[in-house]
Amino acid sequence: MPTPKKKKSFVPTTLTRQDLETADVNKSRYISKPGVTEEVVREISRQKNEPEWMLKKRLQGLALFKNTPLPSWGPDLRKLDLESLTYFVRPDTEESKTWDDVPADIKRTFDKLGIPEAEKKALAGVGAQYDSDIVYHNLKKKWDELGVIFENMDVAVQKYPELVKKYFMTQCVPVNDHKFVMLHAAVWSGGTFIYVPKNVAIDLPLQAYFRMNAKNSGQFEHTLIIADEGSSVHYIEGCSAPRYGTSSLHAGCVEIFVHADARVRYSSIENWSKDTYNLNTKRSLVDENGIMEWVNGNMGSGTTMLYPSSILRGRGARSDSLGVAFAGPGQNQDTGAKAIHAAPNTSSTIISKSISRDGGVNTFRGLIKIMPHATNVNASMVCDALLIGKKSIANTIPELKIKNDQVTVSHEARVGKIGEEEIFFLQSRGLNEQEATRLVVSGFIEPIIKALPVEYALELNRLIEMEMEGAVG
């Protein structure tokens, strides 16, 4: 794609960063009272110095959340005590533009996660979130000069209010979507805002890392990506949390707008602790000839419900989804993907790989929905499950909702165990049993590994190796 000359598509409001820092807001460490109340919601909005329209959206989400029951169709969520959680934790630090300015204790946490290395490897931009705030943010000057916006979501609300208001929880993920979206709308904090102007192709990934460090708490970052006509961007998120022995909740939200002829790849490796309920929502709207690519790795959390979705609303739009989920002892990974075909000549692929070890439970939920006027659609769904050890479980729940007959749709599912013959063969070539098992698993997830940048492929491989050793969490 052509790269235009220096250009600013959107001019920020006259409210500057200095105005934000000198606003009448307590910027020191702050921990809200447990529970979801109007007092807590208003305090979050006050701390962030938000416009009235955002507070109204938060209060709308709160009212809907209070009157909506927990979902009963997936994993059992009754042990999740929502009223005992802390919904806003502000670390005792300001956002920095250079890594050297980040306080030592927070820097040590992110050093262990490799965040400075990402900058050294010349990624286009980096953001790091610790609990409810962004503590480090930087964007390569080259992209800034071309009009690319890569901001902390809180800052974007202040600097680009009309742009954010137009897209934030309106068309893609509306406030009333489901109970945990309603909760997210009420208490969201931090996250990433990206706008890529027309015909700008960002040839290196943008990256963000989210760390939940406070125990018995929630993290609710919001990611909003807008790829304007003819643009392209690859965004990578990593997520983690330590283990405290008390339940935590992650209910983030990702909204992606892929405009005509644009292309977005979203890659995510989520490694929350086994005390965490990972109830995340990810969705994209794809316009004419747009391309949306999802690459997801899910492990770590005790309970996961996550189904990245694409709504193909423009003629010729395409969505590809690749996902891997790992469930060890005591874990319930309920994952999958969705493709809704709302326009003619659209196409989608969903490929899911799951690994269940020693009693872990993996459930694949896939949806291909084709609307009556969406003719000449080509869609496929493949889910493969690998069972290791005794009592492991793999469930497959595909849905094909097809409203016209001018389509080509396929679904296939395979479940298998690592057999004694395969292990014996590899052992005869000099590997021990653990090495042989690891090699089989690596081959099984190879399609997902190939879709990730090298650094993240190595990370995902290492995380799965640690899971195989029972060492994560």
Protein backbone atom coordinates (compact mmCIF):
# COMPACT_ATOMS: atom_id res chain seq x y z
CA MET A 1 0.00 0.00 0.00
CA PRO A 2 1.28 3.56 -0.72
CA THR A 3 2.57 5.66 2.15
CA PRO A 4 1.46 9.31 2.01
CA LYS A 5 3.38 12.39 2.90
CA LYS A 6 3.26 13.88 6.36
CA LYS A 7 -0.34 14.34 7.34
CA LYS A 8 -2.52 14.86 10.43
CA SER A 9 -5.99 13.45 10.02
CA PHE A 10 -7.28 14.51 13.42
CA VAL A 11 -6.24 17.50 15.48
CA PRO A 12 -6.35 16.90 19.24
CA THR A 13 -8.50 19.09 21.41
CA THR A 14 -6.88 22.12 23.05
CA LEU A 15 -6.85 20.20 26.34
CA THR A 16 -3.13 19.35 26.64
CA ARG A 17 -1.35 16.65 28.62
CA GLN A 18 -0.25 19.34 31.08
CA ASP A 19 -3.91 20.25 31.59
CA LEU A 20 -4.62 16.62 32.43
CA GLU A 21 -1.77 16.44 34.90
CA THR A 22 -2.77 19.64 36.69
CA ALA A 23 -6.49 18.85 36.81
CA ASP A 24 -8.15 18.61 40.20
CA VAL A 25 -7.72 14.84 40.30
CA ASN A 26 -5.87 12.77 42.89
CA LYS A 27 -3.05 11.14 40.94
CA SER A 28 -1.49 9.22 43.86
CA ARG A 29 -2.15 5.55 44.49
CA TYR A 30 -5.87 4.94 44.86
CA ILE A 31 -7.84 1.76 45.55
CA SER A 32 -11.63 1.85 45.30
CA LYS A 33 -13.93 0.20 47.82
CA PRO A 34 -14.94 -3.38 46.94
CA GLY A 35 -18.11 -3.86 44.91
CA VAL A 36 -19.80 -2.18 41.95
CA THR A 37 -21.70 0.89 43.12
CA GLU A 38 -22.65 4.24 41.64
CA GLU A 39 -20.19 5.84 44.06
CA VAL A 40 -17.33 3.75 42.67
CA VAL A 41 -18.33 4.43 39.06
CA ARG A 42 -18.58 8.17 39.62
CA GLU A 43 -15.22 8.18 41.40
CA ILE A 44 -13.51 6.39 38.50
CA SER A 45 -14.92 8.99 36.12
CA ARG A 46 -13.90 11.84 38.43
CA GLN A 47 -10.36 10.50 38.84
CA LYS A 48 -10.06 10.44 35.06
CA ASN A 49 -11.59 13.90 34.57
CA GLU A 50 -13.99 12.48 31.97
CA PRO A 51 -16.59 14.36 29.89
CA GLU A 52 -20.24 14.05 30.88
CA TRP A 53 -21.10 11.73 27.98
CA MET A 54 -18.65 9.09 29.21
CA LEU A 55 -20.05 9.24 32.75
CA LYS A 56 -23.56 8.75 31.32
CA LYS A 57 -22.33 5.69 29.40
CA ARG A 58 -20.77 4.30 32.57
CA LEU A 59 -23.99 4.79 34.55
CA GLN A 60 -26.02 3.21 31.75
CA GLY A 61 -23.74 0.16 31.91
CA LEU A 62 -24.07 -0.01 35.69
CA ALA A 63 -27.89 0.06 35.58
CA LEU A 64 -27.99 -2.69 32.96
CA PHE A 65 -25.43 -4.80 34.84
CA LYS A 66 -27.42 -4.69 38.08
CA ASN A 67 -30.53 -6.03 36.33
CA THR A 68 -28.91 -8.78 34.24
CA PRO A 69 -28.30 -12.32 35.56
CA LEU A 70 -25.08 -14.27 35.10
CA PRO A 71 -24.95 -16.32 31.88
CA SER A 72 -25.96 -19.94 32.51
CA TRP A 73 -24.98 -21.55 29.20
CA GLY A 74 -21.19 -21.84 29.73
CA PRO A 75 -18.79 -22.49 32.60
CA ASP A 76 -20.18 -22.19 36.13
CA LEU A 77 -19.61 -18.60 37.31
CA ARG A 78 -21.46 -18.83 40.62
CA LYS A 79 -18.24 -18.85 42.66
CA LEU A 80 -17.24 -15.48 41.20
CA ASP A 81 -18.12 -13.02 43.97
CA LEU A 82 -18.48 -9.77 42.06
CA GLU A 83 -19.21 -7.71 45.15
CA SER A 84 -15.93 -8.63 46.87
CA LEU A 85 -13.72 -7.46 43.99
CA THR A 86 -11.89 -4.14 43.76
CA TYR A 87 -12.71 -2.44 40.47
CA PHE A 88 -10.17 0.37 40.27
CA VAL A 89 -6.53 0.41 41.38
CA ARG A 90 -4.34 3.34 40.40
CA PRO A 91 -0.57 2.74 40.81
CA ASP A 92 1.43 5.50 42.45
CA THR A 93 2.97 6.82 39.24
CA GLU A 94 2.29 8.96 36.19
CA GLU A 95 2.43 7.96 32.54
CA SER A 96 5.96 8.17 31.15
CA LYS A 97 7.37 8.63 27.68
CA THR A 98 10.74 6.99 28.42
CA TRP A 99 11.37 3.70 30.16
CA ASP A 100 13.93 5.29 32.51
CA ASP A 101 11.16 7.41 34.10
CA VAL A 102 9.07 4.43 35.22
CA PRO A 103 9.34 3.75 39.01
CA ALA A 104 11.74 0.94 39.92
CA ASP A 105 9.19 -1.49 41.39
CA ILE A 106 6.92 -1.35 38.34
CA LYS A 107 9.93 -1.46 36.01
CA ARG A 108 11.14 -4.67 37.68
CA THR A 109 7.77 -6.32 37.02
CA PHE A 110 7.85 -5.42 33.33
CA ASP A 111 11.56 -6.19 32.95
CA LYS A 112 10.68 -9.79 33.84
CA LEU A 113 8.06 -9.72 31.06
CA GLY A 114 10.47 -8.38 28.44
CA ILE A 115 8.81 -5.04 27.72
CA PRO A 116 12.00 -3.01 27.18
CA GLU A 117 13.21 -5.70 24.76
CA ALA A 118 10.19 -5.05 22.54
CA GLU A 119 11.29 -1.43 22.14
CA LYS A 120 14.86 -2.52 21.40
CA LYS A 121 13.59 -4.82 18.66
CA ALA A 122 12.14 -1.74 16.90
CA LEU A 123 8.45 -2.42 17.29
CA ALA A 124 6.41 0.54 16.09
CA GLY A 125 5.11 1.46 19.53
CA VAL A 126 4.77 0.12 23.05
CA GLY A 127 2.30 0.64 25.87
CA ALA A 128 2.31 -1.05 29.27
CA GLN A 129 -0.57 -1.13 31.73
CA TYR A 130 -0.19 -1.97 35.41
CA ASP A 131 -3.53 -2.61 37.16
CA SER A 132 -5.90 0.19 36.04
CA ASP A 133 -3.41 2.70 34.57
CA ILE A 134 -1.00 3.04 31.66
CA VAL A 135 2.51 3.59 33.07
CA TYR A 136 4.60 3.66 29.92
CA HIS A 137 3.74 4.70 26.41
CA ASN A 138 5.80 5.49 23.34
CA LEU A 139 5.23 5.72 19.60
CA LYS A 140 7.85 5.89 16.92
CA LYS A 141 8.13 9.45 15.59
CA LYS A 142 7.80 8.21 12.01
CA TRP A 143 4.20 7.05 12.55
CA ASP A 144 3.26 10.06 14.64
CA GLU A 145 4.23 12.32 11.75
CA LEU A 146 1.96 10.37 9.38
CA GLY A 147 -1.07 10.99 11.57
CA VAL A 148 -1.14 7.64 13.37
CA ILE A 149 -2.65 7.91 16.83
CA PHE A 150 -1.46 5.40 19.44
CA GLU A 151 -2.63 6.54 22.86
CA ASN A 152 -3.60 5.42 26.31
CA MET A 153 -7.40 5.06 26.06
CA ASP A 154 -7.91 7.47 28.97
CA VAL A 155 -5.84 10.15 27.24
CA ALA A 156 -7.63 9.57 23.92
CA VAL A 157 -10.98 10.38 25.57
CA GLN A 158 -9.51 13.77 26.49
CA LYS A 159 -7.50 14.54 23.35
CA TYR A 160 -9.83 13.13 20.65
CA PRO A 161 -13.28 13.28 22.26
CA GLU A 162 -15.40 13.39 19.08
CA LEU A 163 -13.51 10.53 17.43
CA VAL A 164 -13.74 8.37 20.56
CA LYS A 165 -17.40 9.24 21.13
CA LYS A 166 -18.27 8.16 17.58
CA TYR A 167 -16.78 4.67 17.95
CA PHE A 168 -16.62 3.81 21.68
CA MET A 169 -19.20 1.11 22.55
CA THR A 170 -21.68 2.23 19.89
CA GLN A 171 -21.85 -0.01 16.79
CA CYS A 172 -19.29 -2.75 17.46
CA VAL A 173 -19.83 -3.72 21.12
CA PRO A 174 -22.89 -1.84 22.42
CA VAL A 175 -23.26 -1.27 26.16
CA ASN A 176 -26.22 -3.68 26.44
CA ASP A 177 -24.46 -6.62 24.71
CA HIS A 178 -24.13 -8.96 27.74
CA LYS A 179 -23.59 -8.79 31.49
CA PHE A 180 -19.81 -8.48 31.45
CA VAL A 181 -19.86 -5.88 28.68
CA MET A 182 -22.27 -3.90 30.87
CA LEU A 183 -19.84 -4.22 33.78
CA HIS A 184 -16.96 -3.21 31.52
CA ALA A 185 -18.83 -0.10 30.36
CA ALA A 186 -19.33 0.92 33.99
CA VAL A 187 -15.78 0.43 35.29
CA TRP A 188 -13.43 0.31 32.27
CA SER A 189 -10.00 1.81 32.80
CA GLY A 190 -6.92 2.27 30.63
CA GLY A 191 -6.25 0.33 27.47
CA THR A 192 -5.24 1.31 23.96
CA PHE A 193 -6.59 3.66 21.29
CA ILE A 194 -5.24 3.36 17.74
CA TYR A 195 -6.25 5.33 14.65
CA VAL A 196 -4.50 4.64 11.33
CA PRO A 197 -5.20 7.24 8.59
CA LYS A 198 -6.22 6.41 5.03
CA ASN A 199 -3.63 4.51 3.00
CA VAL A 200 -1.05 4.40 5.81
CA ALA A 201 0.58 0.98 6.14
CA ILE A 202 2.35 0.43 9.47
CA ASP A 203 4.98 -2.17 8.63
CA LEU A 204 5.99 -3.01 12.21
CA PRO A 205 3.69 -4.18 15.03
CA LEU A 206 2.26 -1.92 17.70
CA GLN A 207 2.34 -3.58 21.10
CA ALA A 208 0.71 -3.31 24.52
CA TYR A 209 1.11 -5.38 27.67
CA PHE A 210 -1.41 -5.56 30.51
CA ARG A 211 -0.45 -6.70 34.00
CA MET A 212 -2.98 -7.26 36.80
CA ASN A 213 -0.97 -7.16 40.02
CA ALA A 214 -3.47 -6.34 42.79
CA LYS A 215 -5.10 -9.37 44.40
CA ASN A 216 -8.87 -9.90 44.48
CA SER A 217 -9.31 -7.22 41.85
CA GLY A 218 -10.53 -6.67 38.31
CA GLN A 219 -8.92 -5.34 35.16
CA PHE A 220 -11.08 -3.75 32.48
CA GLU A 221 -8.84 -2.27 29.80
CA HIS A 222 -10.52 -1.09 26.59
CA THR A 223 -8.86 -1.49 23.18
CA LEU A 224 -10.28 0.55 20.30
CA ILE A 225 -8.65 0.25 16.86
CA ILE A 226 -9.79 2.21 13.80
CA ALA A 227 -8.14 1.32 10.50
CA ASP A 228 -9.27 3.88 7.94
CA GLU A 229 -9.70 3.09 4.23
CA GLY A 230 -6.73 1.38 2.62
CA SER A 231 -4.65 1.27 5.81
CA SER A 232 -3.02 -1.66 7.60
CA VAL A 233 -1.79 -2.37 11.14
CA HIS A 234 -0.69 -5.31 13.28
CA TYR A 235 -1.42 -4.94 16.98
CA ILE A 236 -0.13 -7.33 19.66
CA GLU A 237 -1.44 -7.65 23.22
CA GLY A 238 0.04 -9.66 26.04
CA CYS A 239 -1.70 -10.19 29.39
CA SER A 240 -0.67 -11.74 32.70
CA ALA A 241 -1.41 -11.82 36.43
CA PRO A 242 0.29 -13.38 39.48
CA ARG A 243 -1.38 -15.99 41.64
CA TYR A 244 -2.71 -14.89 45.02
CA GLY A 245 -5.16 -17.64 46.04
CA THR A 246 -8.17 -15.29 45.72
CA SER A 247 -10.37 -14.80 42.66
CA SER A 248 -9.70 -12.00 40.19
CA LEU A 249 -11.63 -10.91 37.11
CA HIS A 250 -10.50 -9.79 33.69
CA ALA A 251 -13.33 -8.37 31.59
CA GLY A 252 -11.64 -6.29 28.92
CA CYS A 253 -13.17 -5.25 25.62
CA VAL A 254 -11.66 -5.02 22.13
CA GLU A 255 -13.43 -3.09 19.36
CA ILE A 256 -11.89 -3.06 15.88
CA PHE A 257 -13.18 -1.11 12.88
CA VAL A 258 -11.75 -2.30 9.56
CA HIS A 259 -12.84 0.19 6.93
CA ALA A 260 -12.90 -0.42 3.16
CA ASP A 261 -9.75 -2.06 1.77
CA ALA A 262 -8.05 -1.94 5.18
CA ARG A 263 -6.33 -4.81 6.96
CA VAL A 264 -5.92 -5.46 10.70
CA ARG A 265 -4.15 -8.29 12.43
CA TYR A 266 -4.78 -8.63 16.16
CA SER A 267 -2.50 -11.05 18.04
CA SER A 268 -2.96 -11.83 21.70
CA ILE A 269 -1.33 -14.12 24.24
CA GLU A 270 -3.34 -14.25 27.48
CA ASN A 271 -1.66 -15.90 30.43
CA TRP A 272 -3.73 -14.86 33.42
CA SER A 273 -3.24 -16.79 36.66
CA LYS A 274 -5.41 -19.77 37.59
CA ASP A 275 -7.23 -17.55 40.12
CA THR A 276 -8.51 -15.37 37.29
CA TYR A 277 -11.86 -15.47 35.51
CA ASN A 278 -11.03 -14.31 31.98
CA LEU A 279 -14.37 -13.09 30.56
CA ASN A 280 -13.19 -10.99 27.65
CA THR A 281 -15.08 -9.59 24.63
CA LYS A 282 -13.39 -9.07 21.23
CA ARG A 283 -15.22 -8.01 18.09
CA SER A 284 -14.60 -6.38 14.72
CA LEU A 285 -16.72 -4.69 12.05
CA VAL A 286 -15.30 -5.25 8.57
CA ASP A 287 -16.26 -3.10 5.59
CA GLU A 288 -15.95 -3.70 1.83
CA ASN A 289 -12.85 -5.74 0.90
CA GLY A 290 -11.49 -5.31 4.42
CA ILE A 291 -9.48 -8.10 6.07
CA MET A 292 -9.55 -8.99 9.77
CA GLU A 293 -7.09 -11.53 11.20
CA TRP A 294 -7.34 -12.88 14.76
CA VAL A 295 -4.47 -14.85 16.35
CA ASN A 296 -5.14 -15.89 19.97
CA GLY A 297 -3.33 -17.95 22.60
CA ASN A 298 -5.28 -18.65 25.80
CA MET A 299 -3.87 -20.34 28.89
CA GLY A 300 -3.31 -19.75 32.58
CA SER A 301 -6.74 -18.56 33.74
CA GLY A 302 -8.93 -20.92 35.77
CA THR A 303 -12.03 -20.08 33.73
CA THR A 304 -12.09 -18.47 30.29
CA MET A 305 -14.99 -17.38 28.08
CA LEU A 306 -13.65 -15.77 24.91
CA TYR A 307 -14.94 -15.85 21.32
CA PRO A 308 -13.34 -13.26 18.97
CA SER A 309 -15.99 -12.24 16.44
CA SER A 310 -16.06 -10.61 13.02
CA ILE A 311 -19.13 -9.00 11.50
CA LEU A 312 -18.52 -8.90 7.75
CA ARG A 313 -20.81 -6.05 6.72
CA GLY A 314 -19.10 -5.01 3.46
CA ARG A 315 -19.06 -6.86 0.14
CA GLY A 316 -15.87 -8.88 -0.25
CA ALA A 317 -14.88 -8.63 3.43
CA ARG A 318 -12.81 -11.43 4.96
CA SER A 319 -12.07 -12.79 8.44
CA ASP A 320 -9.48 -15.37 9.50
CA SER A 321 -9.26 -16.67 13.05
CA LEU A 322 -6.51 -18.85 14.52
CA GLY A 323 -6.65 -19.86 18.17
CA VAL A 324 -5.00 -22.20 20.65
CA ALA A 325 -6.21 -22.93 24.20
CA PHE A 326 -4.46 -24.93 26.91
CA ALA A 327 -6.32 -26.38 29.90
CA GLY A 328 -4.44 -28.12 32.70
CA PRO A 329 -5.74 -29.47 36.02
CA GLY A 330 -8.56 -27.31 37.41
CA GLN A 331 -8.88 -25.19 34.27
CA ASN A 332 -11.96 -24.66 32.11
CA GLN A 333 -11.18 -23.00 28.78
CA ASP A 334 -14.40 -22.14 26.92
CA THR A 335 -13.17 -20.51 23.71
CA GLY A 336 -13.85 -20.29 19.99
CA ALA A 337 -14.65 -17.71 17.30
CA LYS A 338 -17.56 -16.25 15.36
CA ALA A 339 -18.03 -15.01 11.81
CA ILE A 340 -21.27 -13.21 10.87
CA HIS A 341 -21.67 -12.78 7.11
CA ALA A 342 -23.93 -9.79 6.48
CA ALA A 343 -22.84 -9.01 2.90
CA PRO A 344 -22.31 -10.92 -0.37
CA ASN A 345 -18.99 -12.37 -1.52
CA THR A 346 -17.58 -12.51 2.02
CA SER A 347 -15.34 -15.27 3.35
CA SER A 348 -14.13 -16.59 6.69
CA THR A 349 -11.97 -19.29 8.22
CA ILE A 350 -11.95 -20.42 11.84
CA ILE A 351 -9.16 -22.76 12.99
CA SER A 352 -9.03 -23.78 16.64
CA LYS A 353 -6.53 -25.98 18.47
CA SER A 354 -7.01 -27.09 22.07
CA ILE A 355 -4.85 -29.08 24.46
CA SER A 356 -6.33 -30.67 27.60
CA ARG A 357 -3.95 -32.14 30.17
CA ASP A 358 -4.63 -34.21 33.30
CA GLY A 359 -8.28 -33.31 33.79
CA GLY A 360 -8.34 -29.93 32.05
CA VAL A 361 -11.55 -29.00 30.20
CA ASN A 362 -11.59 -27.37 26.76
CA THR A 363 -14.82 -26.38 25.03
CA PHE A 364 -14.86 -25.02 21.50
CA ARG A 365 -17.83 -22.80 20.55
CA GLY A 366 -17.82 -21.71 16.93
CA LEU A 367 -20.44 -19.80 14.99
CA ILE A 368 -20.81 -19.18 11.27
CA LYS A 369 -23.93 -17.11 10.58
CA ILE A 370 -24.92 -16.21 7.02
CA MET A 371 -27.70 -13.67 6.49
CA PRO A 372 -30.37 -14.08 3.75
CA HIS A 373 -28.85 -11.49 1.40
CA ALA A 374 -25.23 -12.68 1.93
CA THR A 375 -24.86 -14.78 -1.20
CA ASN A 376 -21.66 -16.30 -2.63
CA VAL A 377 -20.15 -16.81 0.83
CA ASN A 378 -17.24 -19.16 1.45
CA ALA A 379 -16.75 -20.19 5.10
CA SER A 380 -15.00 -23.00 6.96
CA MET A 381 -14.55 -24.04 10.58
CA VAL A 382 -12.00 -26.57 11.88
CA CYS A 383 -11.46 -27.54 15.51
CA ASP A 384 -8.79 -30.00 16.63
CA ALA A 385 -8.43 -31.24 20.21
CA LEU A 386 -5.50 -33.06 21.79
CA LEU A 387 -5.98 -35.02 25.04
CA ILE A 388 -3.06 -35.75 27.38
CA GLY A 389 -3.37 -37.86 30.51
CA LYS A 390 -6.44 -39.21 32.24
CA LYS A 391 -9.82 -37.48 32.74
CA SER A 392 -9.09 -34.70 30.24
CA ILE A 393 -12.13 -33.35 28.39
CA ALA A 394 -12.66 -31.77 24.97
CA ASN A 395 -16.11 -30.52 23.90
CA THR A 396 -17.06 -29.22 20.46
CA ILE A 397 -20.15 -27.03 20.01
CA PRO A 398 -20.28 -25.70 16.43
CA GLU A 399 -23.19 -23.64 15.11
CA LEU A 400 -23.96 -23.10 11.44
CA LYS A 401 -26.84 -20.67 10.85
CA ILE A 402 -27.32 -20.40 7.10
CA LYS A 403 -30.19 -18.31 5.71
CA ASN A 404 -29.60 -18.84 1.98
CA ASP A 405 -28.38 -21.67 -0.26
CA GLN A 406 -25.86 -19.80 -2.40
CA VAL A 407 -22.95 -20.53 -0.06
CA THR A 408 -20.09 -22.96 0.48
CA VAL A 409 -19.68 -23.88 4.15
CA SER A 410 -17.70 -26.65 5.83
CA HIS A 411 -17.03 -27.83 9.36
CA GLU A 412 -14.75 -30.54 10.68
CA ALA A 413 -13.68 -31.60 14.14
CA ARG A 414 -11.02 -34.02 15.31
CA VAL A 415 -10.17 -35.28 18.81
CA GLY A 416 -7.13 -37.41 19.52
CA LYS A 417 -4.82 -38.60 22.26
CA ILE A 418 -1.05 -38.79 22.24
CA GLY A 419 -0.63 -42.50 21.68
CA GLU A 420 1.95 -44.89 23.07
CA GLU A 421 3.16 -45.71 19.55
CA GLU A 422 4.08 -42.09 18.77
CA ILE A 423 5.91 -41.70 22.08
CA PHE A 424 7.72 -45.03 21.61
CA PHE A 425 8.83 -44.03 18.11
CA LEU A 426 10.26 -40.71 19.31
CA GLN A 427 11.93 -42.36 22.31
CA SER A 428 13.59 -44.79 19.90
CA ARG A 429 15.16 -41.70 18.29
CA GLY A 430 16.78 -40.66 21.57
CA LEU A 431 14.12 -38.46 23.22
CA ASN A 432 12.81 -39.06 26.72
CA GLU A 433 9.05 -39.26 27.31
CA GLN A 434 8.68 -35.60 28.30
CA GLU A 435 10.65 -34.39 25.29
CA ALA A 436 8.63 -36.64 22.98
CA THR A 437 5.33 -35.33 24.33
CA ARG A 438 6.51 -31.75 23.98
CA LEU A 439 7.51 -32.37 20.36
CA VAL A 440 4.07 -33.76 19.51
CA VAL A 441 2.39 -30.75 21.14
CA SER A 442 4.68 -28.33 19.25
CA GLY A 443 3.71 -29.91 15.94
CA PHE A 444 0.04 -29.75 16.87
CA ILE A 445 0.06 -25.98 17.47
CA GLU A 446 2.42 -25.15 14.59
CA PRO A 447 -0.19 -23.19 12.52
CA ILE A 448 -0.69 -20.73 15.38
CA ILE A 449 3.04 -20.42 16.10
CA LYS A 450 3.74 -19.61 12.43
CA ALA A 451 1.23 -16.74 12.52
CA LEU A 452 3.02 -14.93 15.39
CA PRO A 453 6.13 -12.74 15.25
CA VAL A 454 9.24 -14.67 16.27
CA GLU A 455 9.46 -13.19 19.78
CA TYR A 456 5.84 -14.08 20.55
CA ALA A 457 6.10 -17.52 18.96
CA LEU A 458 8.98 -18.26 21.31
CA GLU A 459 6.98 -16.92 24.27
CA LEU A 460 3.91 -19.02 23.44
CA ASN A 461 6.04 -22.13 22.96
CA ARG A 462 7.75 -21.54 26.30
CA LEU A 463 4.46 -20.93 28.10
CA ILE A 464 3.03 -24.19 26.79
CA GLU A 465 6.21 -26.02 27.78
CA MET A 466 5.80 -24.60 31.29
CA GLU A 467 2.15 -25.66 31.31
CA MET A 468 3.22 -29.15 30.32
CA GLU A 469 5.54 -29.14 33.31
CA GLY A 470 2.74 -27.83 35.54
CA ALA A 471 4.86 -24.78 36.31
CA VAL A 472 2.64 -21.86 35.24
CA GLY A 473 0.40 -20.14 37.79
